[in-house]
Amino acid sequence: MSAIPADAIPRLARGVKLREDAARGRWVVLAPERMFVPDEIALEVLRLLDGARSLDAVVEELAARFAAPREEIAADVAELLADLAARGIVTT
């Protein structure tokens, strides 16, 4: 997995959608011929990928929202996004 720079602007890849499945009461990520259910942490990160915020801004928002150490959040978010980028879910 390659690291995503802090100033990169991550977003969902073309054709990938984050949708609420109201019938089942959960959020899903829909991609061409794929679907997965993100856990609570991944969902919080994915909701912030608006195509305008940098990775650093996403980390700052999460650190403020959850009153957690920025360094820990930065490492976790970077790892998550690198994994999702390798799967074609997230792009920069």
Protein backbone atom coordinates (compact mmCIF):
# COMPACT_ATOMS: atom_id res chain seq x y z
CA MET A 1 0.00 0.00 0.00
CA SER A 2 1.31 3.41 -0.88
CA ALA A 3 0.85 6.32 1.47
CA ILE A 4 -1.54 9.10 0.57
CA PRO A 5 0.05 12.54 1.06
CA ALA A 6 -1.50 14.76 3.75
CA ASP A 7 -2.37 17.44 1.19
CA ALA A 8 -4.06 14.99 -1.21
CA ILE A 9 -7.82 15.28 -1.60
CA PRO A 10 -9.27 11.79 -1.31
CA ARG A 11 -12.69 11.04 -2.77
CA LEU A 12 -14.74 8.06 -3.76
CA ALA A 13 -13.66 6.67 -7.11
CA ARG A 14 -15.84 7.05 -10.19
CA GLY A 15 -18.85 4.76 -9.97
CA VAL A 16 -18.54 4.28 -6.20
CA LYS A 17 -21.40 5.48 -4.01
CA LEU A 18 -21.99 5.62 -0.27
CA ARG A 19 -25.68 4.93 0.30
CA GLU A 20 -27.94 4.32 3.24
CA ASP A 21 -29.80 1.00 2.99
CA ALA A 22 -32.91 2.12 4.87
CA ALA A 23 -34.55 -1.29 4.62
CA ARG A 24 -31.67 -2.90 6.51
CA GLY A 25 -30.76 0.11 8.64
CA ARG A 26 -27.12 0.32 7.53
CA TRP A 27 -24.82 2.16 5.17
CA VAL A 28 -23.26 0.42 2.17
CA VAL A 29 -20.57 1.23 -0.34
CA LEU A 30 -21.69 0.39 -3.85
CA ALA A 31 -19.15 -0.08 -6.61
CA PRO A 32 -19.43 -1.71 -10.02
CA GLU A 33 -20.19 -5.38 -9.34
CA ARG A 34 -19.25 -4.98 -5.66
CA MET A 35 -20.82 -3.93 -2.41
CA PHE A 36 -19.56 -3.82 1.14
CA VAL A 37 -20.75 -2.64 4.52
CA PRO A 38 -18.24 -0.30 6.17
CA ASP A 39 -17.72 -0.50 9.92
CA GLU A 40 -18.50 2.56 12.05
CA ILE A 41 -14.98 3.99 11.79
CA ALA A 42 -14.75 3.56 8.03
CA LEU A 43 -18.19 5.11 7.66
CA GLU A 44 -17.13 8.24 9.58
CA VAL A 45 -14.11 8.62 7.29
CA LEU A 46 -16.05 7.92 4.07
CA ARG A 47 -18.68 10.53 4.98
CA LEU A 48 -15.93 13.17 5.05
CA LEU A 49 -14.61 12.36 1.57
CA ASP A 50 -16.39 15.17 -0.23
CA GLY A 51 -13.79 15.88 -2.91
CA ALA A 52 -12.90 19.20 -1.28
CA ARG A 53 -11.16 18.24 1.99
CA SER A 54 -7.56 17.16 2.10
CA LEU A 55 -6.49 14.10 4.04
CA ASP A 56 -5.11 16.47 6.67
CA ALA A 57 -8.49 18.24 6.95
CA VAL A 58 -10.29 14.90 7.34
CA VAL A 59 -7.89 13.95 10.14
CA GLU A 60 -8.37 17.32 11.87
CA GLU A 61 -12.16 16.96 11.71
CA LEU A 62 -12.07 13.46 13.18
CA ALA A 63 -9.60 14.46 15.91
CA ALA A 64 -11.87 17.34 16.95
CA ARG A 65 -15.05 15.29 16.71
CA PHE A 66 -13.77 12.39 18.79
CA ALA A 67 -11.26 14.22 21.04
CA ALA A 68 -8.62 11.66 20.14
CA PRO A 69 -4.87 12.05 19.56
CA ARG A 70 -4.29 13.42 16.08
CA GLU A 71 -1.30 11.15 15.43
CA GLU A 72 -3.34 8.00 16.08
CA ILE A 73 -6.18 9.17 13.88
CA ALA A 74 -3.79 10.20 11.11
CA ALA A 75 -2.17 6.76 11.09
CA ASP A 76 -5.50 4.92 11.14
CA VAL A 77 -7.08 7.07 8.43
CA ALA A 78 -4.01 6.85 6.21
CA GLU A 79 -3.99 3.06 6.53
CA LEU A 80 -7.72 2.80 5.83
CA LEU A 81 -7.57 5.07 2.79
CA ALA A 82 -4.49 3.32 1.38
CA ASP A 83 -6.35 0.01 1.66
CA LEU A 84 -9.48 1.44 0.02
CA ALA A 85 -7.37 3.03 -2.73
CA ALA A 86 -5.73 -0.34 -3.44
CA ARG A 87 -9.24 -1.80 -3.82
CA GLY A 88 -10.30 0.97 -6.21
CA ILE A 89 -12.83 2.49 -3.79
CA VAL A 90 -10.97 5.75 -3.07
CA THR A 91 -8.87 7.91 -5.34
CA THR A 92 -7.01 11.22 -4.95
